[in-house]
């Protein structure tokens, strides 16, 4: 995951989410590896950070299939970090909508 933030990666945004991703060879990483980040700077209470992370994980779980199948057909791996950039908790429906848009942008960029 260190390589993800060293400068060779790409970034796309769909407020309140930002995704940093890096395609890698299949021998390094198979499939898609995901990191969910909710900064302590924005949410001081662990309860709030955990709630937002649950929303992110659930939204990704529901909508990941197109991205995972695209990477399988390309025979590449993908490292992705989803970063929550808002300082307010959004509704689950809103997070899912933005996650869908973000995954589409990642697919288009690849």
N, C-alpha and C. Protein backbone atom coordinates (compact mmCIF):
# COMPACT_ATOMS: atom_id res chain seq x y z
N UNK A 1 0.82 -1.20 0.00
CA UNK A 1 0.00 0.00 0.00
C UNK A 1 0.86 1.27 0.00
N UNK A 2 2.12 1.15 0.39
CA UNK A 2 2.99 2.32 0.36
C UNK A 2 3.13 2.87 -1.05
N UNK A 3 3.20 1.98 -2.04
CA UNK A 3 3.34 2.42 -3.44
C UNK A 3 2.14 3.25 -3.88
N UNK A 4 1.02 3.01 -3.27
CA UNK A 4 -0.22 3.69 -3.65
C UNK A 4 -0.12 5.20 -3.45
N UNK A 5 0.60 5.63 -2.44
CA UNK A 5 0.67 7.05 -2.11
C UNK A 5 2.01 7.69 -2.47
N UNK A 6 2.84 7.03 -3.27
CA UNK A 6 4.15 7.57 -3.59
C UNK A 6 4.20 8.37 -4.87
N UNK A 7 3.13 8.50 -5.61
CA UNK A 7 3.14 9.39 -6.75
C UNK A 7 2.82 8.78 -8.09
N UNK A 8 2.90 7.47 -8.25
CA UNK A 8 2.60 6.84 -9.54
C UNK A 8 1.11 6.57 -9.70
N UNK A 9 0.34 6.81 -8.68
CA UNK A 9 -1.07 6.44 -8.68
C UNK A 9 -1.93 7.53 -9.31
N UNK A 10 -3.19 7.17 -9.53
CA UNK A 10 -4.19 8.08 -10.09
C UNK A 10 -5.23 8.38 -9.01
N UNK A 11 -5.94 9.48 -9.19
CA UNK A 11 -6.93 9.88 -8.20
C UNK A 11 -8.19 10.39 -8.89
N UNK A 12 -9.34 10.01 -8.36
CA UNK A 12 -10.64 10.51 -8.82
C UNK A 12 -11.47 10.85 -7.60
N UNK A 13 -12.39 11.80 -7.77
CA UNK A 13 -13.22 12.23 -6.65
C UNK A 13 -14.69 12.24 -7.01
N UNK A 14 -15.50 11.98 -6.02
CA UNK A 14 -16.95 12.13 -6.09
C UNK A 14 -17.35 12.47 -4.66
N UNK A 15 -17.46 13.76 -4.38
CA UNK A 15 -17.65 14.23 -3.02
C UNK A 15 -18.79 13.49 -2.35
N UNK A 16 -18.60 12.96 -1.20
CA UNK A 16 -17.58 13.11 -0.17
C UNK A 16 -16.48 12.06 -0.21
N UNK A 17 -16.28 11.40 -1.35
CA UNK A 17 -15.27 10.35 -1.45
C UNK A 17 -14.17 10.73 -2.42
N UNK A 18 -13.00 10.19 -2.17
CA UNK A 18 -11.86 10.33 -3.07
C UNK A 18 -11.23 8.95 -3.17
N UNK A 19 -10.85 8.55 -4.37
CA UNK A 19 -10.21 7.25 -4.55
C UNK A 19 -8.84 7.46 -5.15
N UNK A 20 -7.86 6.81 -4.57
CA UNK A 20 -6.50 6.78 -5.10
C UNK A 20 -6.28 5.34 -5.51
N UNK A 21 -5.87 5.12 -6.78
CA UNK A 21 -5.74 3.75 -7.25
C UNK A 21 -4.50 3.58 -8.11
N UNK A 22 -4.01 2.35 -8.15
CA UNK A 22 -2.81 2.02 -8.89
C UNK A 22 -2.96 0.62 -9.49
N UNK A 23 -2.99 0.52 -10.83
CA UNK A 23 -3.00 -0.81 -11.44
C UNK A 23 -1.61 -1.45 -11.31
N UNK A 24 -1.58 -2.73 -10.98
CA UNK A 24 -0.32 -3.45 -10.83
C UNK A 24 -0.39 -4.75 -11.62
N UNK A 25 0.76 -5.36 -11.83
CA UNK A 25 0.82 -6.63 -12.55
C UNK A 25 0.14 -7.73 -11.74
N UNK A 26 -0.37 -8.72 -12.44
CA UNK A 26 -1.09 -9.81 -11.78
C UNK A 26 -0.17 -10.63 -10.89
N UNK A 27 1.13 -10.69 -11.21
CA UNK A 27 2.02 -11.47 -10.36
C UNK A 27 2.29 -10.78 -9.02
N UNK A 28 2.14 -9.44 -8.95
CA UNK A 28 2.29 -8.71 -7.69
C UNK A 28 1.03 -8.79 -6.84
N UNK A 29 -0.11 -8.59 -7.47
CA UNK A 29 -1.38 -8.53 -6.75
C UNK A 29 -2.48 -9.08 -7.65
N UNK A 30 -3.20 -10.07 -7.16
CA UNK A 30 -4.33 -10.59 -7.92
C UNK A 30 -5.60 -9.96 -7.38
N UNK A 31 -6.50 -9.60 -8.27
CA UNK A 31 -7.76 -9.02 -7.86
C UNK A 31 -7.62 -7.57 -7.44
N UNK A 32 -8.52 -7.14 -6.58
CA UNK A 32 -8.56 -5.76 -6.14
C UNK A 32 -8.35 -5.72 -4.63
N UNK A 33 -7.35 -4.95 -4.19
CA UNK A 33 -7.13 -4.73 -2.76
C UNK A 33 -7.67 -3.36 -2.40
N UNK A 34 -8.42 -3.28 -1.32
CA UNK A 34 -9.11 -2.06 -0.97
C UNK A 34 -8.72 -1.59 0.43
N UNK A 35 -8.57 -0.29 0.57
CA UNK A 35 -8.30 0.36 1.85
C UNK A 35 -9.37 1.42 2.06
N UNK A 36 -10.01 1.41 3.21
CA UNK A 36 -11.01 2.42 3.56
C UNK A 36 -10.40 3.34 4.62
N UNK A 37 -10.45 4.64 4.38
CA UNK A 37 -9.85 5.58 5.33
C UNK A 37 -10.84 6.68 5.68
N UNK A 38 -11.02 6.88 6.98
CA UNK A 38 -11.83 7.97 7.51
C UNK A 38 -10.94 8.68 8.51
N UNK A 39 -10.47 9.88 8.17
CA UNK A 39 -9.47 10.56 9.01
C UNK A 39 -9.98 10.93 10.40
N UNK A 40 -9.13 10.71 11.36
CA UNK A 40 -9.42 11.08 12.75
C UNK A 40 -9.53 12.59 12.89
N UNK A 41 -8.87 13.30 11.99
CA UNK A 41 -8.92 14.76 11.99
C UNK A 41 -10.35 15.27 11.76
N UNK A 42 -11.12 14.54 10.96
CA UNK A 42 -12.48 14.97 10.64
C UNK A 42 -13.52 14.41 11.61
N UNK A 43 -13.29 13.20 12.11
CA UNK A 43 -14.22 12.56 13.06
C UNK A 43 -13.41 12.13 14.27
N UNK A 44 -13.56 12.86 15.35
CA UNK A 44 -12.78 12.58 16.55
C UNK A 44 -13.27 11.34 17.29
N UNK A 45 -14.56 11.06 17.21
CA UNK A 45 -15.14 9.92 17.90
C UNK A 45 -15.03 8.66 17.05
N UNK A 46 -14.52 7.59 17.64
CA UNK A 46 -14.36 6.33 16.93
C UNK A 46 -15.69 5.78 16.44
N UNK A 47 -16.75 6.05 17.18
CA UNK A 47 -18.09 5.58 16.79
C UNK A 47 -18.46 6.15 15.42
N UNK A 48 -18.19 7.43 15.21
CA UNK A 48 -18.51 8.07 13.92
C UNK A 48 -17.63 7.53 12.80
N UNK A 49 -16.34 7.38 13.07
CA UNK A 49 -15.43 6.84 12.05
C UNK A 49 -15.85 5.43 11.65
N UNK A 50 -16.20 4.62 12.62
CA UNK A 50 -16.61 3.24 12.33
C UNK A 50 -17.91 3.20 11.53
N UNK A 51 -18.83 4.10 11.82
CA UNK A 51 -20.09 4.13 11.07
C UNK A 51 -19.83 4.46 9.60
N UNK A 52 -18.99 5.47 9.37
CA UNK A 52 -18.68 5.86 7.98
C UNK A 52 -17.95 4.73 7.26
N UNK A 53 -17.02 4.06 7.94
CA UNK A 53 -16.32 2.93 7.32
C UNK A 53 -17.28 1.81 6.99
N UNK A 54 -18.26 1.55 7.85
CA UNK A 54 -19.28 0.53 7.54
C UNK A 54 -20.06 0.92 6.30
N UNK A 55 -20.41 2.20 6.18
CA UNK A 55 -21.14 2.67 5.00
C UNK A 55 -20.29 2.46 3.74
N UNK A 56 -19.01 2.80 3.82
CA UNK A 56 -18.12 2.65 2.67
C UNK A 56 -17.96 1.18 2.27
N UNK A 57 -17.74 0.32 3.24
CA UNK A 57 -17.56 -1.10 2.94
C UNK A 57 -18.81 -1.70 2.31
N UNK A 58 -19.98 -1.34 2.83
CA UNK A 58 -21.23 -1.87 2.29
C UNK A 58 -21.48 -1.35 0.88
N UNK A 59 -21.23 -0.09 0.64
CA UNK A 59 -21.41 0.47 -0.71
C UNK A 59 -20.46 -0.19 -1.70
N UNK A 60 -19.22 -0.41 -1.29
CA UNK A 60 -18.26 -1.08 -2.17
C UNK A 60 -18.69 -2.52 -2.43
N UNK A 61 -19.12 -3.21 -1.40
CA UNK A 61 -19.54 -4.61 -1.54
C UNK A 61 -20.68 -4.75 -2.55
N UNK A 62 -21.62 -3.82 -2.53
CA UNK A 62 -22.77 -3.89 -3.42
C UNK A 62 -22.43 -3.59 -4.87
N UNK A 63 -21.43 -2.75 -5.11
CA UNK A 63 -21.20 -2.23 -6.46
C UNK A 63 -19.83 -2.58 -7.04
N UNK A 64 -19.09 -3.48 -6.44
CA UNK A 64 -17.74 -3.78 -6.87
C UNK A 64 -17.64 -4.70 -8.08
N UNK A 65 -18.70 -5.38 -8.42
CA UNK A 65 -18.63 -6.47 -9.38
C UNK A 65 -18.11 -6.05 -10.76
N UNK A 66 -18.51 -4.91 -11.25
CA UNK A 66 -18.06 -4.47 -12.57
C UNK A 66 -16.55 -4.22 -12.57
N UNK A 67 -16.05 -3.60 -11.52
CA UNK A 67 -14.62 -3.31 -11.43
C UNK A 67 -13.80 -4.59 -11.28
N UNK A 68 -14.26 -5.49 -10.45
CA UNK A 68 -13.54 -6.75 -10.24
C UNK A 68 -13.49 -7.57 -11.53
N UNK A 69 -14.60 -7.64 -12.25
CA UNK A 69 -14.61 -8.40 -13.50
C UNK A 69 -13.75 -7.74 -14.57
N UNK A 70 -13.71 -6.41 -14.58
CA UNK A 70 -12.86 -5.69 -15.54
C UNK A 70 -11.40 -6.00 -15.28
N UNK A 71 -10.99 -6.04 -14.03
CA UNK A 71 -9.60 -6.34 -13.70
C UNK A 71 -9.27 -7.80 -14.00
N UNK A 72 -10.23 -8.69 -13.85
CA UNK A 72 -10.00 -10.10 -14.15
C UNK A 72 -9.80 -10.32 -15.64
N UNK A 73 -10.56 -9.63 -16.47
CA UNK A 73 -10.40 -9.78 -17.92
C UNK A 73 -9.09 -9.16 -18.40
N UNK A 74 -8.63 -8.12 -17.73
CA UNK A 74 -7.36 -7.49 -18.10
C UNK A 74 -6.17 -8.22 -17.52
N UNK A 75 -6.44 -9.18 -16.64
CA UNK A 75 -5.39 -9.94 -15.95
C UNK A 75 -4.40 -9.01 -15.25
N UNK A 76 -4.94 -8.08 -14.51
CA UNK A 76 -4.16 -7.14 -13.71
C UNK A 76 -4.71 -7.10 -12.31
N UNK A 77 -3.91 -6.57 -11.41
CA UNK A 77 -4.37 -6.32 -10.06
C UNK A 77 -4.62 -4.83 -9.89
N UNK A 78 -5.27 -4.47 -8.82
CA UNK A 78 -5.57 -3.07 -8.57
C UNK A 78 -5.50 -2.80 -7.07
N UNK A 79 -4.80 -1.74 -6.73
CA UNK A 79 -4.76 -1.25 -5.35
C UNK A 79 -5.62 0.00 -5.30
N UNK A 80 -6.56 0.05 -4.37
CA UNK A 80 -7.47 1.19 -4.26
C UNK A 80 -7.58 1.63 -2.81
N UNK A 81 -7.52 2.94 -2.60
CA UNK A 81 -7.78 3.52 -1.28
C UNK A 81 -8.96 4.47 -1.41
N UNK A 82 -10.00 4.24 -0.64
CA UNK A 82 -11.15 5.14 -0.59
C UNK A 82 -11.00 6.01 0.64
N UNK A 83 -10.99 7.32 0.42
CA UNK A 83 -10.80 8.27 1.50
C UNK A 83 -12.05 9.13 1.62
N UNK A 84 -12.57 9.22 2.82
CA UNK A 84 -13.76 10.03 3.09
C UNK A 84 -13.29 11.44 3.41
N UNK A 85 -13.67 12.43 2.61
CA UNK A 85 -13.12 13.77 2.75
C UNK A 85 -14.06 14.78 3.41
N UNK A 86 -15.31 14.42 3.64
CA UNK A 86 -16.25 15.33 4.27
C UNK A 86 -16.09 15.28 5.78
N UNK A 87 -16.55 16.32 6.45
CA UNK A 87 -16.50 16.32 7.91
C UNK A 87 -17.89 16.07 8.51
N UNK A 88 -18.84 15.69 7.67
CA UNK A 88 -20.18 15.37 8.13
C UNK A 88 -20.55 13.97 7.67
N UNK A 89 -21.35 13.30 8.47
CA UNK A 89 -21.82 11.96 8.10
C UNK A 89 -22.95 12.11 7.08
N UNK A 90 -22.76 11.48 5.93
CA UNK A 90 -23.77 11.51 4.87
C UNK A 90 -24.70 10.30 5.03
N UNK A 91 -25.83 10.35 4.35
CA UNK A 91 -26.76 9.22 4.39
C UNK A 91 -26.16 8.04 3.62
N UNK A 92 -26.61 6.86 3.97
CA UNK A 92 -26.10 5.66 3.31
C UNK A 92 -26.42 5.66 1.82
N UNK A 93 -27.59 6.13 1.47
CA UNK A 93 -27.98 6.21 0.05
C UNK A 93 -27.05 7.14 -0.72
N UNK A 94 -26.70 8.25 -0.12
CA UNK A 94 -25.80 9.20 -0.76
C UNK A 94 -24.41 8.60 -0.93
N UNK A 95 -23.93 7.90 0.07
CA UNK A 95 -22.60 7.27 -0.01
C UNK A 95 -22.61 6.20 -1.10
N UNK A 96 -23.68 5.42 -1.20
CA UNK A 96 -23.76 4.40 -2.24
C UNK A 96 -23.77 5.01 -3.63
N UNK A 97 -24.50 6.09 -3.80
CA UNK A 97 -24.57 6.78 -5.09
C UNK A 97 -23.19 7.29 -5.50
N UNK A 98 -22.48 7.88 -4.56
CA UNK A 98 -21.14 8.41 -4.85
C UNK A 98 -20.14 7.29 -5.10
N UNK A 99 -20.28 6.19 -4.36
CA UNK A 99 -19.38 5.05 -4.57
C UNK A 99 -19.58 4.48 -5.97
N UNK A 100 -20.83 4.38 -6.41
CA UNK A 100 -21.11 3.90 -7.76
C UNK A 100 -20.45 4.80 -8.80
N UNK A 101 -20.61 6.09 -8.63
CA UNK A 101 -20.00 7.05 -9.55
C UNK A 101 -18.48 6.93 -9.54
N UNK A 102 -17.91 6.76 -8.36
CA UNK A 102 -16.46 6.65 -8.21
C UNK A 102 -15.93 5.38 -8.89
N UNK A 103 -16.62 4.27 -8.72
CA UNK A 103 -16.20 3.03 -9.36
C UNK A 103 -16.30 3.13 -10.88
N UNK A 104 -17.31 3.84 -11.38
CA UNK A 104 -17.42 4.05 -12.82
C UNK A 104 -16.26 4.88 -13.33
N UNK A 105 -15.89 5.93 -12.59
CA UNK A 105 -14.75 6.77 -12.99
C UNK A 105 -13.45 5.98 -13.00
N UNK A 106 -13.27 5.12 -12.02
CA UNK A 106 -12.06 4.29 -11.98
C UNK A 106 -12.02 3.39 -13.21
N UNK A 107 -13.16 2.76 -13.52
CA UNK A 107 -13.23 1.89 -14.69
C UNK A 107 -12.94 2.62 -15.99
N UNK A 108 -13.41 3.85 -16.11
CA UNK A 108 -13.16 4.65 -17.31
C UNK A 108 -11.70 5.06 -17.40
N UNK A 109 -11.09 5.37 -16.28
CA UNK A 109 -9.70 5.83 -16.27
C UNK A 109 -8.74 4.69 -16.63
N UNK A 110 -9.09 3.47 -16.24
CA UNK A 110 -8.23 2.33 -16.55
C UNK A 110 -8.27 2.07 -18.03
